[in-house]
Protein backbone atom coordinates (compact mmCIF):
# COMPACT_ATOMS: atom_id res chain seq x y z
CA UNK A 1 -8.65 -9.43 -11.49
CA UNK A 2 -6.82 -6.77 -9.48
CA UNK A 3 -3.22 -7.64 -8.55
CA UNK A 4 -1.26 -5.73 -5.91
CA UNK A 5 2.51 -6.15 -6.19
CA UNK A 6 4.26 -5.15 -2.99
CA UNK A 7 7.81 -4.09 -3.80
CA UNK A 8 6.93 -3.18 -7.37
CA UNK A 9 9.93 -0.87 -7.75
CA UNK A 10 12.37 -3.74 -7.26
CA UNK A 11 13.89 -6.05 -9.87
CA UNK A 12 11.40 -8.90 -9.45
CA UNK A 13 8.54 -6.47 -8.83
CA UNK A 14 9.15 -4.71 -12.14
CA UNK A 15 8.93 -8.01 -14.02
CA UNK A 16 5.77 -8.97 -12.16
CA UNK A 17 4.23 -5.63 -13.17
CA UNK A 18 5.23 -6.16 -16.80
CA UNK A 19 3.70 -9.63 -16.95
CA UNK A 20 0.57 -8.83 -14.91
CA UNK A 21 -0.24 -5.69 -16.90
CA UNK A 22 0.54 -7.53 -20.14
CA UNK A 23 -1.96 -10.23 -19.18
CA UNK A 24 -4.63 -7.58 -18.82
CA UNK A 25 -4.86 -7.60 -15.04
CA UNK A 26 -5.71 -4.39 -13.25
CA UNK A 27 -2.34 -3.79 -11.60
CA UNK A 28 -1.30 -1.77 -8.57
CA UNK A 29 2.17 -1.66 -7.04
CA UNK A 30 3.89 -0.27 -3.98
CA UNK A 31 7.23 1.43 -3.45
CA UNK A 32 9.25 2.36 -0.37
CA UNK A 33 11.14 5.42 -1.64
CA UNK A 34 10.13 6.09 -5.25
CA UNK A 35 7.99 4.41 -7.94
CA UNK A 36 9.56 2.21 -10.53
CA UNK A 37 9.55 2.93 -14.23
CA UNK A 38 6.31 4.53 -15.32
CA UNK A 39 3.56 2.24 -16.57
CA UNK A 40 0.44 4.11 -17.58
CA UNK A 41 -1.73 1.14 -16.61
CA UNK A 42 -0.20 0.75 -13.12
CA UNK A 43 -1.38 2.61 -9.99
CA UNK A 44 1.51 3.29 -7.59
CA UNK A 45 1.14 3.53 -3.81
CA UNK A 46 3.78 4.52 -1.25
CA UNK A 47 4.06 1.86 1.45
CA UNK A 48 6.23 1.32 4.50
CA UNK A 49 5.73 -2.29 5.60
CA UNK A 50 6.76 -1.25 9.10
CA UNK A 51 3.52 0.74 9.42
CA UNK A 52 0.43 -1.34 10.33
CA UNK A 53 -1.88 1.56 9.45
CA UNK A 54 -0.13 2.06 6.13
CA UNK A 55 -0.50 -1.58 5.16
CA UNK A 56 -4.18 -1.60 6.08
CA UNK A 57 -4.79 1.61 4.13
CA UNK A 58 -3.17 0.42 0.89
CA UNK A 59 -4.91 -2.96 0.96
CA UNK A 60 -8.24 -1.28 1.64
CA UNK A 61 -7.72 1.31 -1.10
CA UNK A 62 -6.69 -1.19 -3.79
CA UNK A 63 -9.07 -4.03 -2.77
CA UNK A 64 -6.93 -6.61 -4.61
CA UNK A 65 -7.91 -10.11 -5.59
CA UNK A 66 -4.23 -11.15 -5.36
CA UNK A 67 -1.31 -9.74 -3.36
CA UNK A 68 2.22 -10.77 -4.32
CA UNK A 69 4.81 -9.67 -1.78
CA UNK A 70 8.09 -9.26 -3.67
CA UNK A 71 9.55 -6.72 -1.25
CA UNK A 72 13.05 -6.90 0.17
CA UNK A 73 13.86 -5.22 3.46
CA UNK A 74 17.21 -6.90 4.02
CA UNK A 75 17.91 -7.72 7.64
CA UNK A 76 15.50 -5.01 8.87
CA UNK A 77 13.34 -7.14 11.17
CA UNK A 78 10.36 -4.78 11.19
CA UNK A 79 10.19 -4.74 7.38
CA UNK A 80 11.30 -8.26 6.46
CA UNK A 81 9.90 -10.35 9.32
CA UNK A 82 6.95 -8.32 10.59
CA UNK A 83 5.85 -6.54 7.38
CA UNK A 84 4.66 -9.68 5.57
CA UNK A 85 2.65 -10.69 8.65
CA UNK A 86 0.93 -7.29 8.57
CA UNK A 87 0.03 -8.00 4.94
CA UNK A 88 -1.35 -11.38 5.94
CA UNK A 89 -3.46 -9.78 8.67
CA UNK A 90 -4.69 -7.02 6.35
CA UNK A 91 -5.84 -9.55 3.74
CA UNK A 92 -7.28 -12.16 6.13
CA UNK A 93 -10.95 -12.87 5.59
CA UNK A 94 -11.14 -10.82 2.39
CA UNK A 95 -10.97 -13.69 -0.07
CA UNK A 96 -7.74 -12.17 -1.38
CA UNK A 97 -5.04 -14.60 -2.43
CA UNK A 98 -1.60 -13.99 -0.84
CA UNK A 99 1.71 -15.01 -2.42
CA UNK A 100 4.76 -14.32 -0.24
CA UNK A 101 8.21 -14.51 -1.85
CA UNK A 102 10.83 -15.99 0.47
CA UNK A 103 14.45 -17.03 0.05
CA UNK A 104 16.89 -19.93 0.23
CA UNK A 105 18.57 -17.83 2.95
CA UNK A 106 16.23 -19.55 5.44
CA UNK A 107 18.54 -22.60 5.25
CA UNK A 108 21.96 -23.14 6.80
CA UNK A 109 23.43 -25.25 4.01
CA UNK A 110 24.28 -28.04 6.44
CA UNK A 111 22.27 -30.57 4.41
CA UNK A 112 22.91 -29.08 0.92
CA UNK A 113 19.66 -30.17 -0.81
CA UNK A 114 16.38 -28.79 0.49
CA UNK A 115 12.88 -29.66 -0.66
CA UNK A 116 9.65 -28.01 0.46
CA UNK A 117 9.31 -30.24 3.53
CA UNK A 118 12.50 -28.97 5.15
CA UNK A 119 12.20 -26.68 8.15
CA UNK A 120 14.18 -23.42 8.10
CA UNK A 121 17.45 -23.32 10.05
CA UNK A 122 18.83 -19.84 9.24
CA UNK A 123 22.29 -18.70 10.30
CA UNK A 124 22.16 -15.01 9.28
CA UNK A 125 19.95 -12.12 10.48
CA UNK A 126 18.41 -11.85 7.00
CA UNK A 127 17.68 -15.57 6.90
CA UNK A 128 16.15 -15.41 10.37
CA UNK A 129 13.89 -12.53 9.32
CA UNK A 130 12.74 -14.37 6.20
CA UNK A 131 12.10 -17.56 8.20
CA UNK A 132 10.07 -15.64 10.79
CA UNK A 133 8.00 -14.06 8.00
CA UNK A 134 7.22 -17.50 6.56
CA UNK A 135 6.03 -18.77 9.93
CA UNK A 136 3.93 -15.70 10.65
CA UNK A 137 2.33 -15.55 7.21
CA UNK A 138 1.26 -19.19 7.29
CA UNK A 139 -0.05 -18.89 10.86
CA UNK A 140 -2.29 -15.97 9.88
CA UNK A 141 -3.07 -17.23 6.38
CA UNK A 142 -2.78 -21.04 6.09
CA UNK A 143 -4.17 -20.62 2.56
CA UNK A 144 -1.24 -18.42 1.49
CA UNK A 145 1.65 -19.47 -0.74
CA UNK A 146 5.22 -19.11 0.53
CA UNK A 147 7.47 -19.28 -2.53
CA UNK A 148 11.17 -19.70 -1.77
CA UNK A 149 13.57 -18.75 -4.50
CA UNK A 150 17.31 -18.31 -5.07
CA UNK A 151 19.57 -15.85 -6.90
CA UNK A 152 17.47 -13.92 -9.42
CA UNK A 153 19.10 -13.26 -12.79
CA UNK A 154 17.86 -11.22 -15.75
CA UNK A 155 19.01 -10.20 -19.20
CA UNK A 156 21.85 -8.07 -17.87
CA UNK A 157 19.74 -6.21 -15.30
CA UNK A 158 20.28 -8.03 -12.00
CA UNK A 159 22.68 -7.05 -9.23
CA UNK A 160 24.61 -10.26 -9.86
CA UNK A 161 25.17 -9.44 -13.53
CA UNK A 162 26.19 -5.88 -12.68
CA UNK A 163 28.69 -7.23 -10.15
CA UNK A 164 30.26 -9.48 -12.80
CA UNK A 165 30.72 -6.55 -15.18
CA UNK A 166 32.27 -4.41 -12.45
CA UNK A 167 34.59 -7.17 -11.23
CA UNK A 168 35.80 -7.86 -14.77
CA UNK A 169 36.38 -4.14 -15.36
CA UNK A 170 38.29 -3.77 -12.09
CA UNK A 171 35.87 -1.13 -10.78
CA UNK A 172 34.74 -3.37 -7.94
CA UNK A 173 36.80 -5.21 -5.35
CA UNK A 174 36.09 -8.71 -4.15
CA UNK A 175 35.82 -12.17 -5.66
CA UNK A 176 33.31 -14.72 -6.87
CA UNK A 177 33.27 -17.69 -4.54
CA UNK A 178 33.81 -21.19 -5.88
CA UNK A 179 32.39 -22.83 -2.73
CA UNK A 180 29.15 -20.79 -2.53
CA UNK A 181 26.47 -22.72 -4.44
CA UNK A 182 22.87 -21.81 -5.26
CA UNK A 183 20.16 -22.57 -7.86
CA UNK A 184 19.76 -19.27 -9.78
CA UNK A 185 16.49 -18.57 -11.58
CA UNK A 186 15.64 -16.21 -14.44
CA UNK A 187 13.41 -13.33 -13.41
CA UNK A 188 10.92 -13.94 -16.24
CA UNK A 189 10.51 -17.60 -15.22
CA UNK A 190 10.13 -16.66 -11.57
CA UNK A 191 7.53 -13.95 -12.23
CA UNK A 192 5.59 -16.27 -14.53
CA UNK A 193 5.59 -19.03 -11.90
CA UNK A 194 4.43 -16.62 -9.18
CA UNK A 195 1.54 -15.40 -11.32
CA UNK A 196 0.64 -18.99 -12.13
CA UNK A 197 0.52 -19.77 -8.41
CA UNK A 198 -1.57 -16.62 -7.90
CA UNK A 199 -4.16 -17.84 -10.41
CA UNK A 200 -4.36 -21.31 -8.91
CA UNK A 201 -5.48 -22.76 -5.61
CA UNK A 202 -2.26 -24.22 -4.21
CA UNK A 203 -1.14 -23.15 -0.76
CA UNK A 204 1.77 -23.74 1.60
CA UNK A 205 5.48 -23.79 0.80
CA UNK A 206 6.76 -24.06 -2.77
CA UNK A 207 10.28 -23.87 -4.20
CA UNK A 208 11.02 -21.81 -7.30
CA UNK A 209 14.72 -22.27 -7.94
CA UNK A 210 16.41 -22.96 -11.24
CA UNK A 211 17.25 -26.52 -12.20
CA UNK A 212 21.06 -26.06 -12.10
CA UNK A 213 23.24 -25.83 -8.98
CA UNK A 214 26.01 -23.32 -9.71
CA UNK A 215 28.77 -21.74 -7.67
CA UNK A 216 28.90 -17.96 -7.68
CA UNK A 217 32.07 -18.25 -9.76
CA UNK A 218 30.53 -20.57 -12.35
CA UNK A 219 27.49 -18.31 -12.51
CA UNK A 220 29.82 -15.37 -13.08
CA UNK A 221 31.69 -17.10 -15.90
CA UNK A 222 28.41 -17.97 -17.64
CA UNK A 223 27.27 -14.34 -17.37
CA UNK A 224 30.62 -13.11 -18.68
CA UNK A 225 30.63 -15.43 -21.69
CA UNK A 226 27.08 -14.49 -22.61
CA UNK A 227 28.04 -10.82 -22.53
CA UNK A 228 31.30 -11.28 -24.41
CA UNK A 229 33.46 -10.55 -21.37
CA UNK A 230 36.77 -12.35 -20.86
CA UNK A 231 35.88 -14.70 -17.98
CA UNK A 232 39.55 -15.04 -17.03
CA UNK A 233 39.34 -11.49 -15.68
CA UNK A 234 36.95 -12.59 -12.93
CA UNK A 235 38.64 -13.03 -9.54
CA UNK A 236 37.87 -16.29 -7.76
CA UNK A 237 37.96 -17.02 -4.05
CA UNK A 238 36.63 -19.15 -1.22
CA UNK A 239 33.85 -17.94 1.01
CA UNK A 240 35.25 -20.10 3.81
CA UNK A 241 38.37 -17.92 3.72
CA UNK A 242 36.43 -14.66 3.65
CA UNK A 243 34.77 -12.51 6.29
CA UNK A 244 31.32 -12.97 4.72
CA UNK A 245 28.94 -14.98 6.94
CA UNK A 246 26.17 -17.18 5.63
CA UNK A 247 25.44 -20.62 4.24
CA UNK A 248 27.65 -22.17 1.58
CA UNK A 249 25.89 -24.90 -0.40
CA UNK A 250 22.09 -24.43 -0.52
CA UNK A 251 20.35 -26.23 -3.39
CA UNK A 252 16.60 -25.70 -3.60
CA UNK A 253 14.94 -28.89 -4.79
CA UNK A 254 12.05 -27.46 -6.83
CA UNK A 255 10.95 -30.65 -8.55
CA UNK A 256 7.72 -31.11 -6.59
CA UNK A 257 6.58 -27.57 -7.39
CA UNK A 258 7.80 -27.78 -10.99
CA UNK A 259 5.66 -30.86 -11.55
CA UNK A 260 2.56 -28.76 -10.77
CA UNK A 261 3.45 -25.78 -12.98
CA UNK A 262 3.31 -25.07 -16.69
CA UNK A 263 6.09 -22.50 -16.30
CA UNK A 264 9.51 -24.08 -16.80
CA UNK A 265 12.11 -22.97 -14.27
CA UNK A 266 15.19 -23.09 -16.46
CA UNK A 267 18.67 -23.69 -15.12
CA UNK A 268 21.43 -21.12 -15.42
CA UNK A 269 23.34 -23.14 -17.99
CA UNK A 270 20.29 -22.90 -20.24
CA UNK A 271 19.21 -19.29 -19.82
CA UNK A 272 22.79 -18.01 -19.81
CA UNK A 273 23.88 -19.93 -22.90
CA UNK A 274 25.46 -17.58 -25.46
CA UNK A 275 23.12 -16.51 -28.22
CA UNK A 276 23.88 -18.08 -31.59
C-alpha cells in the first residue's frame, strides 16, 4: 500500500511517516518549504496546496492508495480551506482513500461538549477555514474521513511543551490560561488512530481527542512535572482577560469513534504522568 502524507515535515506528519514506514507501507510525503528529517524509505515531494496543478501533479506522480492530509496552513484561506478540497478533487474517482485532519477550532465553545454530530460554528479565521475545508472535502468525497483533533502533545517535541519550558525559564512572555480547556492527545496515539482509519472503511466525521479535558494551565503543570520543572514558575492567566480571540471551553467527545478503534486515545493525565 502506498501512503501519501501531506504535510509530512510537520509534527504530526513526521510521526505518521515513522509509523507508516515502520509498518512497511511505501511512503511518500510532501513539504511546503523543506523536507523533514531524512528517511531513506520516504520519497519527498514539494507541494503548495494553493496550486491546483501542483496538487494534481503530486497525486498523479505518487499514485497513492491512501492520502492523509496533516498539513497546517494557519488562517491562510487558500491553503487551509481550499487546499484540502483540491486534494479531494485530485483523488476523486481513483479509489484512493482520503483522511483529512481537522481541528476542534471549528467550534465556538458555546456548548462545551461536542460529539461528531455537531455542526461547526467557528469564531476565528482559522476555525472558519478548517470548517470550510471539512464541508468541501465531504461534498467532493463523501467517502472521505474528516478527523477532528485537539492539542497535539509529544515526548517533549510539541510546540506546547516547548512553550512550557520557555515560560518556566522566563525566555517567553505570556501566560497559560486556566479558563481555556481542550482534550489534548498524544501524537503517537493520534497517528496510530489515523492510520487505523486509513486501513478501514469508515467515512464521515470522527473525533480523535484525548479522554481528559484539561485547561492550558493544567496541561502545562503536567508537562512541567514530567520534565522535572518547577510548575510554580509557570505564569497563569485568564483568556477572557487577554487580547487573544477564540473559543474557551471546547471538549471533543471522542467516545463514538473510540468505540470503533483498537488504538486507545489516552488522556493527558495518563500520557503525561511522571515516569517511575
